Amino acid sequence: MSPRGRERRVIAAAGAAALVAVGLNLAFSAVAAHRRRKRRELPGFTAQVNLSAADIKRLADRIIVKSKETYDAVAAVPLDKVSFSNVIAPLAELDAQQFPLVQACVLPRMVSPSDDVRRASAEAEKRLDSHFQQCRQREDVYRVIKAFTQKGERIGLEATRFVQCMVREFEHNGAKLTQSKKMEMEKLKSHIDDLSLKYIQSLNDSTKFLLLSEEELAGMPLEFLKELENTNGKWKVLLTNYHVTPILEHCKVGSTRKLIAVAYGQKGGKENIAILEKLVQLRHRFARLLGYPNYADYAIEPRMPRTSRKVLEFLEEMSEQLNDLANRELSVLKDLKMKEEGDAQFSVEDLLYYMKRAEELKVDLDIGEIKQYFPVDLVISGILKMFQDLFALRFEEMKDAETWHDTVRLFSVWDASSSDLLGYFFLDIFSREGKYAHTCVVALQNGCLCSNGTRKVPVAVLLSQCPKEFDGNSALLRFPEVVRIFHEFSHVVHHISNRATFSRFSGLQLEGDFAEIPSLLLENWCYESISLKMMSGFHQDITKSITSEACQSLKRRRDIFAGLKLKQEILLCLVDQIIHTGENVNIDDLIKDLHPKVMLGIPLLEGNSPASCFPRIAIGYDAVCYSYIWSEVFAADLFASKFKDDLLNQHAGLRFRNKVLAPGGSKNPLDIISDYLGREPSLQAFIQSRTRNTQAWACGVLRKTSRVANS
């Protein structure tokens, strides 16, 4: 029998898991019965999406009770009686049955029009998070799972990976620590959270400002100046991204750019550096408590590189490979500065300004005009058609389905060839009061095989904040908004394409490095004429799609100065990685040493420390800032190798869906991609994709600058 077949047989035979499913279904049925609201049944999806505040509280209570019962039952299994059916299967079934119920409780916090429901949802999320955190720390359950791993029972490859992931998760949460060590771990986590918040609060301080004259702000757009407060004839410039970035991009006065760059770089100052150094020390203590040599190895172990050494090697090789490209780009900027200011001495504060000048000289693109070609409705219909065509899918809108708002649309997803139901997705894309403010995807249900042999299908929600119709006309999207929605819808398709056995291997519960690769790959379709034309049309005459010249300009705009931009990112990723691998690293000295080496001799501004105003190191991306660049490299290789020459090749798309998207997290992601490519991924495709047009546009910029100077 095949490993997958063995897993299906073992899970289907797990009587204890079946009892868990019955208990959970009864619990949810009690809530459903309370709301006697007629709604269309969705095969494979049973959770409700429109609960009241009282429903949410009751459902959260039942989830916690049933979860505790299951964990208690597993913990009570004698160590000499452990088996897949009485230890692993009940926990897998619990995850499969509870996930959609948990999401039914927590989604309303992001989408409900009701204040009461949003508050109830937020409270339920806190309670459930706290409960599941305690579950993952239970030493008695961990001991039973470890006993199963040592028994040697034959199970399939996916089941083996599931057990390995569970063990690692328990250990990451301190399940094998003594009670005193657990208490120490919790104190460390609390202290780390407090310091991270303090770091961010310092950066969010909007009270710091500079007063600048109109002459000092020469070159700034009139619209920008109108937004500034005038104090005694001078403009009040806040040290926030909203003011600092436009000045560094547009201000013609070099001394002003330097003044702003220095002031912003000192905003977090010595205080934030001290906080960060303390944070790093606490993180190392936390990691060593769990048996890791440093915090970076703790953070990276569950991700694709596995070790901090691999990440450092990747970043150093990337930086070296970019040297030629970045040097050519820097030469262009230095020539521009010499022609404009008569000074070739190039500093950090000059980067954004001269990048913007070069873009204006080379990229013939009117962003306001481009927007006219992206009505919301046309963009959405184009995206849906493209994904259906590329991945051999069929989307059907379900008009009479129950949703949480009358602007929300629900679609079922079918395999175009077999007509098998694959899943569902909700589109909640229009802005409204109280709704989550960003574009993202939320999983409502994971695809998985249940103990009774039935399959739960994946269900996802795409959230955005698109403007509504105006005077009967579809609202228009800025191009970055188009890319963002396209990127997030790629996550929807990734989630729905999942065919793994276990819920935890869903397309939206993957390792961070792997989860972004398909979406970054598919972003390339937003910069190619054939695909961009499919989701564009002039708002007054949608038969007129965006021009090929505009598509090329959008692509040039994306790639321009890619080398220097990546060098800046790599610098901060190296700082992040080094401080989280080394002991007692002086962050200021480290940055002073690294900056000219990575940034081709450009010195760090005196008194500045980028790490004092880099929030990703403080919270959310500590020791894993490398992840986005890593994912970009893999995505570029996949695109160049499999799709670049035929963007709408359904055979290639279907193979990608089946080989890369369908396994989810059930296999090692590096193995998935290497098997699909037929080799290990390479940096070269990424470097080539960013350098291909560099020489051409660089020469164009210099020629145009020369003409302007001579005239």
Foldseek 3Di string as FASTA:
>chain_A
DALVVQQLVLLLPQPLQVVLLVQLVVQQVVLVVVPPDDFDDDPLDDADQAHDLVSLVSLLVSLLVSVVVLLVQLLPQPLVRDDCSRQVSNVLSNCQSCQLSLCSLQVCLFPFPDPSSVVSSVVSNVVNVVSVLVSLQALSSLVSLVSHVVVPDDHHLLSVVVSVVSNLSSLLSNNPPDPVLNVVLVVLVVLLVVLLVVLVVLLVPFPDWDWAAVLQQPFQDPVLQVPFDADPRTTTATLHCVRLLSSLATGPDPVSLLVSVLCNLCSLHPVLLVSLLVSLVSQQVSVVSSPDNFNLLSVPCQFQQNGLVSVLVVLVVLLVLLVVVLVLQLVLLLVLCCLSPVDSQDAPSNVNHSLNVLLVLQQPADQVQQQLWFFPVLLVVLLVVLLCLQAQKDWDWDQRGDHSDNVKTKIWIARNPPRHTQEMEIEAAAADPSHNAAWAKDWSRAWAAHNNGDTNHTYMYTYHHAYCDDPNFGDTDGLVVSLSSSLRVQLVLLQSLADAHGRCLGLVNARLLQSRQSSLLRSVLCLQDVSVQSRTARRVGGVHHDDRSNSPSVLCVVLRSVSQVVLVLSLVLSLLSVSRNDDPDSQVVSSQVVVCVSNVHHGDPPSGHVSSNDSCCSDDQRSNSCRVVSSNQLSLQCCVQQDVVPPSPNVSSNCCSVQQSHNRRSDSNQVSSCVSSVHGGDNVSVSCSSNVCSVVSSVSSVVSSVVVSVD
